[in-house]
Protein backbone atom coordinates (compact mmCIF):
# COMPACT_ATOMS: atom_id res chain seq x y z
CA UNK A 1 0.00 0.00 0.00
CA UNK A 2 2.83 2.43 0.83
CA UNK A 3 4.51 1.82 -2.54
CA UNK A 4 1.22 2.42 -4.33
CA UNK A 5 0.72 5.70 -2.47
CA UNK A 6 4.21 6.98 -3.22
CA UNK A 7 3.86 6.07 -6.89
CA UNK A 8 0.49 7.78 -7.15
CA UNK A 9 1.64 11.11 -5.75
CA UNK A 10 4.76 11.20 -7.91
CA UNK A 11 2.79 10.43 -11.06
CA UNK A 12 0.15 13.02 -10.16
CA UNK A 13 2.75 15.73 -9.80
CA UNK A 14 4.53 14.78 -13.01
CA UNK A 15 1.33 14.74 -15.07
CA UNK A 16 0.50 18.30 -14.05
CA UNK A 17 3.82 19.82 -15.10
CA UNK A 18 3.38 21.55 -18.50
CA UNK A 19 5.96 21.44 -21.24
CA UNK A 20 6.48 25.22 -21.48
CA UNK A 21 7.27 27.57 -18.62
CA UNK A 22 7.40 31.33 -18.18
CA UNK A 23 9.26 32.87 -15.19
CA UNK A 24 9.22 31.24 -11.72
CA UNK A 25 12.70 29.74 -12.05
CA UNK A 26 14.51 28.62 -8.87
CA UNK A 27 17.38 31.10 -8.72
CA UNK A 28 19.81 28.73 -7.03
CA UNK A 29 18.57 25.25 -7.79
CA UNK A 30 21.97 23.72 -6.95
CA UNK A 31 22.08 25.27 -3.48
CA UNK A 32 20.27 23.39 -0.72
CA UNK A 33 17.73 25.55 1.12
CA UNK A 34 16.37 25.16 4.65
CA UNK A 35 12.91 25.71 6.11
CA UNK A 36 12.31 25.93 9.88
CA UNK A 37 8.64 25.63 10.83
CA UNK A 38 6.22 25.61 13.76
CA UNK A 39 2.68 24.23 13.30
CA UNK A 40 0.18 24.63 16.15
CA UNK A 41 -3.48 23.90 16.86
CA UNK A 42 -5.90 24.18 19.74
CA UNK A 43 -9.55 23.41 20.49
CA UNK A 44 -11.90 25.44 22.70
CA UNK A 45 -12.65 22.88 25.46
CA UNK A 46 -15.13 20.33 24.05
CA UNK A 47 -16.31 22.69 21.31
CA UNK A 48 -15.97 21.80 17.61
CA UNK A 49 -14.39 25.26 17.16
CA UNK A 50 -10.65 25.81 17.37
CA UNK A 51 -7.63 27.63 16.02
CA UNK A 52 -4.59 26.56 14.04
CA UNK A 53 -1.64 28.21 12.37
CA UNK A 54 2.01 28.06 11.44
CA UNK A 55 5.16 30.17 11.29
CA UNK A 56 7.74 29.28 8.63
CA UNK A 57 11.20 30.77 8.18
CA UNK A 58 12.33 29.74 4.70
CA UNK A 59 15.87 30.33 3.48
CA UNK A 60 17.60 30.21 0.12
CA UNK A 61 20.50 28.53 1.92
CA UNK A 62 21.03 26.99 5.38
CA UNK A 63 19.77 30.03 7.23
CA UNK A 64 21.36 33.42 6.45
CA UNK A 65 19.55 34.37 3.20
CA UNK A 66 15.81 34.88 3.73
CA UNK A 67 13.53 33.44 1.06
CA UNK A 68 10.22 33.85 2.90
CA UNK A 69 8.79 34.49 6.35
CA UNK A 70 5.24 33.09 6.43
CA UNK A 71 2.78 33.67 9.28
CA UNK A 72 -0.63 32.01 8.98
CA UNK A 73 -3.61 31.46 11.29
CA UNK A 74 -7.15 30.19 10.88
CA UNK A 75 -10.42 29.38 12.63
CA UNK A 76 -11.29 25.66 12.50
CA UNK A 77 -14.54 23.70 12.69
CA UNK A 78 -14.68 19.93 13.23
CA UNK A 79 -18.19 18.53 12.55
CA UNK A 80 -19.21 15.89 15.11
CA UNK A 81 -18.66 12.28 14.00
CA UNK A 82 -17.07 13.28 10.69
CA UNK A 83 -13.40 12.78 9.64
CA UNK A 84 -13.05 16.32 8.27
CA UNK A 85 -11.72 19.64 9.56
CA UNK A 86 -12.74 22.93 7.93
CA UNK A 87 -10.55 26.03 8.22
CA UNK A 88 -10.81 29.65 7.13
CA UNK A 89 -7.88 31.94 7.72
CA UNK A 90 -5.41 34.62 6.73
CA UNK A 91 -1.68 34.73 6.03
CA UNK A 92 1.09 37.28 5.58
CA UNK A 93 4.25 36.45 3.64
CA UNK A 94 7.44 38.50 3.44
CA UNK A 95 9.65 37.40 0.54
CA UNK A 96 13.35 38.22 0.32
CA UNK A 97 15.51 38.55 -2.77
CA UNK A 98 18.15 35.93 -3.47
CA UNK A 99 21.73 36.87 -2.62
CA UNK A 100 23.11 39.93 -0.83
CA UNK A 101 20.12 42.20 -1.46
CA UNK A 102 17.96 43.17 1.55
CA UNK A 103 14.97 43.99 -0.69
CA UNK A 104 11.67 42.39 0.35
CA UNK A 105 8.10 42.22 -0.94
CA UNK A 106 4.83 41.28 0.76
CA UNK A 107 1.84 39.07 0.06
CA UNK A 108 -1.45 38.86 1.94
CA UNK A 109 -3.75 35.86 1.66
CA UNK A 110 -7.19 34.66 2.67
CA UNK A 111 -7.79 30.92 2.42
CA UNK A 112 -10.40 28.22 2.92
CA UNK A 113 -9.59 24.53 3.28
CA UNK A 114 -10.98 21.09 4.09
CA UNK A 115 -8.80 18.35 5.60
CA UNK A 116 -10.17 14.81 5.28
CA UNK A 117 -8.63 12.02 7.37
CA UNK A 118 -8.41 8.47 6.03
CA UNK A 119 -6.89 5.83 8.34
CA UNK A 120 -5.57 2.66 6.70
CA UNK A 121 -5.20 0.04 9.40
CA UNK A 122 -3.14 0.61 12.54
CA UNK A 123 0.10 1.81 10.96
CA UNK A 124 -0.86 4.08 8.04
CA UNK A 125 -2.85 7.30 8.19
CA UNK A 126 -3.69 9.45 5.15
CA UNK A 127 -4.98 13.03 5.01
CA UNK A 128 -6.37 14.85 1.97
CA UNK A 129 -6.19 18.65 2.09
CA UNK A 130 -8.07 20.89 -0.36
CA UNK A 131 -7.16 24.58 -0.07
CA UNK A 132 -8.36 27.62 -2.03
CA UNK A 133 -6.37 30.86 -1.70
CA UNK A 134 -7.10 34.48 -2.56
CA UNK A 135 -3.81 36.38 -2.94
CA UNK A 136 -2.77 40.03 -2.94
CA UNK A 137 0.90 40.15 -4.03
CA UNK A 138 2.89 43.38 -4.18
CA UNK A 139 3.15 44.61 -7.78
CA UNK A 140 0.64 42.06 -9.15
CA UNK A 141 -3.07 41.87 -9.86
CA UNK A 142 -5.39 39.93 -7.55
CA UNK A 143 -4.78 36.18 -7.91
CA UNK A 144 -6.28 32.87 -6.76
CA UNK A 145 -4.73 29.45 -6.38
CA UNK A 146 -5.97 25.91 -5.71
CA UNK A 147 -3.86 23.43 -3.75
CA UNK A 148 -4.31 19.71 -3.21
CA UNK A 149 -2.06 17.83 -0.75
CA UNK A 150 -1.93 14.14 0.12
CA UNK A 151 -0.23 13.44 3.46
CA UNK A 152 0.75 10.04 4.82
CA UNK A 153 2.15 8.94 8.20
CA UNK A 154 3.52 5.41 8.58
CA UNK A 155 4.24 4.15 12.10
CA UNK A 156 7.62 2.44 12.42
CA UNK A 157 7.59 1.27 16.04
CA UNK A 158 3.92 0.48 16.65
CA UNK A 159 3.07 3.76 18.44
CA UNK A 160 1.52 5.70 15.58
CA UNK A 161 2.48 9.37 15.91
CA UNK A 162 1.99 9.66 19.69
CA UNK A 163 4.38 9.79 22.63
CA UNK A 164 7.59 7.85 21.97
CA UNK A 165 6.71 7.13 18.34
CA UNK A 166 9.02 6.96 15.34
CA UNK A 167 7.24 7.33 12.02
CA UNK A 168 7.72 8.10 8.34
CA UNK A 169 6.02 11.30 7.11
CA UNK A 170 5.29 11.83 3.39
CA UNK A 171 3.36 14.32 1.34
CA UNK A 172 2.85 15.54 -2.19
CA UNK A 173 1.17 18.88 -2.91
CA UNK A 174 0.14 20.33 -6.28
CA UNK A 175 -0.49 24.09 -6.76
CA UNK A 176 -2.70 25.34 -9.64
CA UNK A 177 -3.02 29.05 -10.54
CA UNK A 178 -6.48 30.48 -11.09
CA UNK A 179 -5.36 33.46 -13.20
CA UNK A 180 -2.63 33.42 -15.83
CA UNK A 181 -2.31 37.20 -16.31
CA UNK A 182 -0.79 38.85 -13.22
CA UNK A 183 -0.57 42.46 -14.43
CA UNK A 184 1.79 44.69 -16.43
CA UNK A 185 1.74 42.25 -19.33
CA UNK A 186 3.14 39.37 -17.26
CA UNK A 187 1.77 35.84 -17.27
CA UNK A 188 2.30 32.62 -15.32
CA UNK A 189 1.66 28.95 -16.07
CA UNK A 190 -1.51 27.19 -14.94
CA UNK A 191 0.76 24.80 -13.03
CA UNK A 192 2.37 26.79 -10.22
CA UNK A 193 4.48 24.19 -8.40
CA UNK A 194 4.68 20.71 -6.90
CA UNK A 195 6.19 19.73 -3.55
CA UNK A 196 7.25 16.20 -2.63
CA UNK A 197 8.41 15.60 0.95
CA UNK A 198 9.73 12.72 3.00
CA UNK A 199 10.84 12.84 6.64
CA UNK A 200 11.30 10.94 9.86
CA UNK A 201 9.08 12.00 12.76
CA UNK A 202 9.52 11.61 16.50
CA UNK A 203 6.72 11.77 19.07
CA UNK A 204 7.93 14.03 21.88
CA UNK A 205 4.58 13.59 23.65
CA UNK A 206 0.97 12.96 22.67
CA UNK A 207 0.70 16.71 21.94
CA UNK A 208 4.04 17.40 20.22
CA UNK A 209 6.00 15.89 17.32
CA UNK A 210 9.29 16.79 15.67
CA UNK A 211 9.98 16.07 11.99
CA UNK A 212 13.20 16.32 9.98
CA UNK A 213 13.25 15.65 6.27
CA UNK A 214 13.76 16.74 2.68
CA UNK A 215 11.38 18.46 0.27
CA UNK A 216 11.83 18.75 -3.51
CA UNK A 217 9.97 21.71 -4.96
CA UNK A 218 9.37 21.70 -8.72
CA UNK A 219 8.41 24.88 -10.58
CA UNK A 220 7.99 25.44 -14.33
CA UNK A 221 11.63 26.54 -14.48
CA UNK A 222 13.21 23.66 -12.56
CA UNK A 223 13.54 22.04 -9.14
CA UNK A 224 15.19 22.90 -5.83
CA UNK A 225 15.80 20.84 -2.70
CA UNK A 226 14.99 22.01 0.82
CA UNK A 227 15.90 20.62 4.22
CA UNK A 228 12.86 20.92 6.53
CA UNK A 229 12.73 20.84 10.32
CA UNK A 230 9.30 21.24 11.89
CA UNK A 231 7.65 21.14 15.29
CA UNK A 232 3.95 20.16 15.41
CA UNK A 233 2.17 21.02 18.65
CA UNK A 234 -1.42 20.93 19.92
CA UNK A 235 -2.73 22.29 23.21
């Protein structure tokens, strides 16, 4: 089952990559980047309402050249007796220029998403995430984007992803642009990017997990590798 899942996400990403590309080229595809991330969530007592968000410090290199600082938060709703979580939220992204330049630009987003959980036995857990974004990017016209992500956790020591667990974390996410014209005569591809990720996770407690892995991001102009270290906490 794991091999089938990995094959499916790779094929899905490859099928959506068009033959021609315009702009969006990884500036330093041969240099390994690094992303440091915190994901958090909370629930209001026994209510189906909660909050979730993340802070991501993304770098063109190991940590001294800012690529993006992303801050995101949303209001969640978990319907009773249903394996789905709905979220509506906002995000602010500061993007830095590659190299020695200190120039930055900003993006503001509003997003809606649905996360559907799909357990497969005791050791494998899948999650399907459907996200729709409305984007206001400095120097561009209003844009929208659709994202689909397939996540998978595979328990390696019989403890799932809870306290004392060791597990394999995988995901593949496809990004599709809603608008092709972005202003001032500039255009983008319908395919925006694809991210494929694999990592090892460690259960610090039942409420906190640490993951360390590698993500390959593919854009119309090429691919770039990223080391990712993330903390996932609920309270």
